[in-house]
C-alpha atoms as a PDB file:
ATOM      1  CA  GLN A   1      12.603  83.499 119.797  1.00  0.00           C
ATOM      2  CA  LEU A   2       9.263  83.604 121.759  1.00  0.00           C
ATOM      3  CA  GLN A   3       8.581  86.898 123.419  1.00  0.00           C
ATOM      4  CA  LEU A   4       5.085  88.240 124.678  1.00  0.00           C
ATOM      5  CA  VAL A   5       5.441  92.202 125.434  1.00  0.00           C
ATOM      6  CA  GLU A   6       2.926  93.519 127.527  1.00  0.00           C
ATOM      7  CA  SER A   7       2.055  97.351 127.782  1.00  0.00           C
ATOM      8  CA  GLY A   8      -0.725 100.156 128.426  1.00  0.00           C
ATOM      9  CA  GLY A   9      -0.561  99.674 132.691  1.00  0.00           C
ATOM     10  CA  GLY A  10      -0.504 102.726 134.633  1.00  0.00           C
ATOM     11  CA  LEU A  11      -2.248 104.576 137.317  1.00  0.00           C
ATOM     12  CA  VAL A  12      -6.003 104.961 136.967  1.00  0.00           C
ATOM     13  CA  GLN A  13      -8.576 106.454 139.479  1.00  0.00           C
ATOM     14  CA  PRO A  14     -11.687 103.992 140.451  1.00  0.00           C
ATOM     15  CA  GLY A  15     -14.463 104.261 137.416  1.00  0.00           C
ATOM     16  CA  GLY A  16     -11.718 104.745 134.692  1.00  0.00           C
ATOM     17  CA  SER A  17     -10.539 102.820 132.036  1.00  0.00           C
ATOM     18  CA  LEU A  18      -7.343 101.113 130.971  1.00  0.00           C
ATOM     19  CA  THR A  19      -6.412  98.986 127.249  1.00  0.00           C
ATOM     20  CA  LEU A  20      -3.760  96.655 127.778  1.00  0.00           C
ATOM     21  CA  SER A  21      -1.672  94.998 124.562  1.00  0.00           C
ATOM     22  CA  CYS A  22       0.205  91.796 124.529  1.00  0.00           C
ATOM     23  CA  ALA A  23       2.531  91.832 121.377  1.00  0.00           C
ATOM     24  CA  ALA A  24       3.339  88.346 120.426  1.00  0.00           C
ATOM     25  CA  ALA A  25       6.986  88.057 118.391  1.00  0.00           C
ATOM     26  CA  GLY A  26       8.399  84.288 117.123  1.00  0.00           C
ATOM     27  CA  PHE A  27       4.826  82.865 116.626  1.00  0.00           C
ATOM     28  CA  THR A  28       1.610  83.995 114.932  1.00  0.00           C
ATOM     29  CA  SER A  29      -0.742  84.388 118.037  1.00  0.00           C
ATOM     30  CA  ASP A  30      -3.710  83.740 116.105  1.00  0.00           C
ATOM     31  CA  TYR A  31      -2.729  80.208 115.932  1.00  0.00           C
ATOM     32  CA  HIS A  32      -2.646  80.052 120.126  1.00  0.00           C
ATOM     33  CA  ALA A  33      -4.915  80.483 122.918  1.00  0.00           C
ATOM     34  CA  ILE A  34      -4.095  83.516 124.706  1.00  0.00           C
ATOM     35  CA  GLY A  35      -4.577  84.460 128.571  1.00  0.00           C
ATOM     36  CA  TRP A  36      -4.470  87.347 130.654  1.00  0.00           C
ATOM     37  CA  PHE A  37      -3.600  86.926 134.052  1.00  0.00           C
ATOM     38  CA  ARG A  38      -2.944  89.148 137.233  1.00  0.00           C
ATOM     39  CA  GLN A  39      -0.899  89.165 140.130  1.00  0.00           C
ATOM     40  CA  ALA A  40      -1.671  91.819 143.350  1.00  0.00           C
ATOM     41  CA  PRO A  41       0.698  91.759 146.048  1.00  0.00           C
ATOM     42  CA  GLY A  42       0.785  88.800 148.874  1.00  0.00           C
ATOM     43  CA  LYS A  43      -2.167  87.134 146.834  1.00  0.00           C
ATOM     44  CA  GLU A  44      -1.799  83.984 144.098  1.00  0.00           C
ATOM     45  CA  ARG A  45      -2.109  84.817 140.377  1.00  0.00           C
ATOM     46  CA  GLU A  46      -5.639  84.507 138.911  1.00  0.00           C
ATOM     47  CA  GLY A  47      -6.496  84.148 135.415  1.00  0.00           C
ATOM     48  CA  VAL A  48      -8.358  86.903 134.174  1.00  0.00           C
ATOM     49  CA  SER A  49      -9.359  86.098 130.648  1.00  0.00           C
ATOM     50  CA  CYS A  50      -8.677  84.012 127.899  1.00  0.00           C
ATOM     51  CA  ILE A  51      -9.149  83.859 123.846  1.00  0.00           C
ATOM     52  CA  GLY A  52      -9.023  80.431 122.198  1.00  0.00           C
ATOM     53  CA  SER A  53      -6.956  80.013 118.808  1.00  0.00           C
ATOM     54  CA  ALA A  54      -8.322  81.224 115.404  1.00  0.00           C
ATOM     55  CA  GLY A  55     -11.633  83.284 117.092  1.00  0.00           C
ATOM     56  CA  GLY A  56     -12.516  80.771 119.045  1.00  0.00           C
ATOM     57  CA  SER A  57     -14.785  81.487 122.471  1.00  0.00           C
ATOM     58  CA  THR A  58     -13.932  83.582 125.237  1.00  0.00           C
ATOM     59  CA  LYS A  59     -13.460  83.187 129.179  1.00  0.00           C
ATOM     60  CA  TYR A  60     -13.614  85.577 132.071  1.00  0.00           C
ATOM     61  CA  ALA A  61     -13.333  85.114 135.479  1.00  0.00           C
ATOM     62  CA  ASP A  62     -16.474  86.349 137.508  1.00  0.00           C
ATOM     63  CA  SER A  63     -14.556  89.421 139.248  1.00  0.00           C
ATOM     64  CA  VAL A  64     -14.267  91.070 135.784  1.00  0.00           C
ATOM     65  CA  LYS A  65     -17.381  89.701 133.599  1.00  0.00           C
ATOM     66  CA  GLY A  66     -18.874  92.576 132.251  1.00  0.00           C
ATOM     67  CA  ARG A  67     -16.008  95.214 132.750  1.00  0.00           C
ATOM     68  CA  PHE A  68     -12.868  93.274 130.747  1.00  0.00           C
ATOM     69  CA  THR A  69     -13.057  92.553 127.005  1.00  0.00           C
ATOM     70  CA  ILE A  70     -10.651  90.300 125.491  1.00  0.00           C
ATOM     71  CA  SER A  71     -10.095  90.546 121.867  1.00  0.00           C
ATOM     72  CA  ARG A  72      -7.415  89.702 119.122  1.00  0.00           C
ATOM     73  CA  ASP A  73      -5.886  92.258 116.237  1.00  0.00           C
ATOM     74  CA  ASN A  74      -4.376  89.490 113.899  1.00  0.00           C
ATOM     75  CA  ALA A  75      -2.495  91.846 111.554  1.00  0.00           C
ATOM     76  CA  LYS A  76      -0.918  93.402 114.394  1.00  0.00           C
ATOM     77  CA  ASN A  77       0.071  89.930 115.993  1.00  0.00           C
ATOM     78  CA  THR A  78      -1.388  91.330 119.236  1.00  0.00           C
ATOM     79  CA  VAL A  79      -4.239  90.614 122.262  1.00  0.00           C
ATOM     80  CA  TYR A  80      -5.781  93.681 123.622  1.00  0.00           C
ATOM     81  CA  LEU A  81      -7.498  93.399 127.163  1.00  0.00           C
ATOM     82  CA  VAL A  82      -9.958  96.494 127.593  1.00  0.00           C
ATOM     83  CA  MET A  83     -10.663  97.130 131.268  1.00  0.00           C
ATOM     84  CA  LYS A  84     -13.782  99.579 132.291  1.00  0.00           C
ATOM     85  CA  ASN A  85     -15.110 100.777 135.250  1.00  0.00           C
ATOM     86  CA  LEU A  86     -12.023  99.725 137.218  1.00  0.00           C
ATOM     87  CA  LYS A  87     -11.952  99.051 141.320  1.00  0.00           C
ATOM     88  CA  PRO A  88      -9.060  99.095 143.426  1.00  0.00           C
ATOM     89  CA  GLU A  89      -9.280  95.534 143.728  1.00  0.00           C
ATOM     90  CA  ASP A  90      -8.387  95.357 139.934  1.00  0.00           C
ATOM     91  CA  THR A  91      -4.850  96.515 141.280  1.00  0.00           C
ATOM     92  CA  ALA A  92      -1.878  93.974 139.896  1.00  0.00           C
ATOM     93  CA  VAL A  93       0.713  93.110 137.986  1.00  0.00           C
ATOM     94  CA  TYR A  94      -0.855  91.889 134.736  1.00  0.00           C
ATOM     95  CA  SER A  95       0.491  89.471 132.260  1.00  0.00           C
ATOM     96  CA  CYS A  96      -0.395  87.217 129.160  1.00  0.00           C
ATOM     97  CA  ALA A  97       0.658  84.217 128.474  1.00  0.00           C
ATOM     98  CA  VAL A  98       0.233  81.874 125.398  1.00  0.00           C
ATOM     99  CA  ASN A  99      -0.243  78.037 125.266  1.00  0.00           C
ATOM    100  CA  ARG A 100       2.707  76.959 122.443  1.00  0.00           C
ATOM    101  CA  LEU A 101       0.444  74.234 120.834  1.00  0.00           C
ATOM    102  CA  ARG A 102      -1.590  75.525 117.776  1.00  0.00           C
ATOM    103  CA  ASN A 103      -4.887  75.096 117.597  1.00  0.00           C
ATOM    104  CA  SER A 104      -5.328  75.485 121.448  1.00  0.00           C
ATOM    105  CA  TRP A 105      -8.602  76.188 123.657  1.00  0.00           C
ATOM    106  CA  CYS A 106      -8.523  78.211 126.543  1.00  0.00           C
ATOM    107  CA  VAL A 107      -9.146  74.592 129.369  1.00  0.00           C
ATOM    108  CA  GLY A 108      -7.322  73.269 132.194  1.00  0.00           C
ATOM    109  CA  PRO A 109      -5.430  75.029 134.967  1.00  0.00           C
ATOM    110  CA  ASN A 110      -3.909  78.308 134.278  1.00  0.00           C
ATOM    111  CA  TYR A 111      -6.457  78.128 130.994  1.00  0.00           C
ATOM    112  CA  GLY A 112      -3.536  75.691 129.398  1.00  0.00           C
ATOM    113  CA  MET A 113      -1.161  78.496 129.657  1.00  0.00           C
ATOM    114  CA  ASP A 114       2.677  77.602 129.579  1.00  0.00           C
ATOM    115  CA  PHE A 115       5.077  80.716 128.833  1.00  0.00           C
ATOM    116  CA  TRP A 116       3.949  83.924 130.105  1.00  0.00           C
ATOM    117  CA  GLY A 117       5.402  87.555 129.665  1.00  0.00           C
ATOM    118  CA  LYS A 118       6.540  89.594 132.276  1.00  0.00           C
ATOM    119  CA  GLY A 119       3.987  91.865 132.739  1.00  0.00           C
ATOM    120  CA  THR A 120       2.767  95.451 133.453  1.00  0.00           C
ATOM    121  CA  LEU A 121       1.632  97.024 136.284  1.00  0.00           C
ATOM    122  CA  VAL A 122      -2.213  98.431 137.028  1.00  0.00           C
ATOM    123  CA  THR A 123      -2.794 100.591 139.804  1.00  0.00           C
ATOM    124  CA  VAL A 124      -6.472 101.795 140.540  1.00  0.00           C
ATOM    125  CA  SER A 125      -6.324 104.348 143.157  1.00  0.00           C
ATOM    126  CA  SER A 126      -7.727 108.040 143.712  1.00  0.00           C
END
């Protein structure tokens, strides 16, 4: 059964860092594009970052470029989002998602994702 489980959220001060994890089960994540999304209260879901299958290219939203880094650990079947220099406007529920097609890339609406995890809350506040 396909599963995506996010972890690593929490409360952090402005300027701080967090690393989010997206653990995949029921499939080999390296064969698929994986994306990170966020949704703040009262706002629409926003694509934050995406990594293509088999070490493919990465994409970032303009609002996080230079601060967030997406990566894979294939041995752990996990995708990470390292977030640095966090700002209050980064506060949101962060979810990871997968494009269930093998050899997929980060293209199209929502980077082509069609299955989401439940998310983890990130709060940036002093």
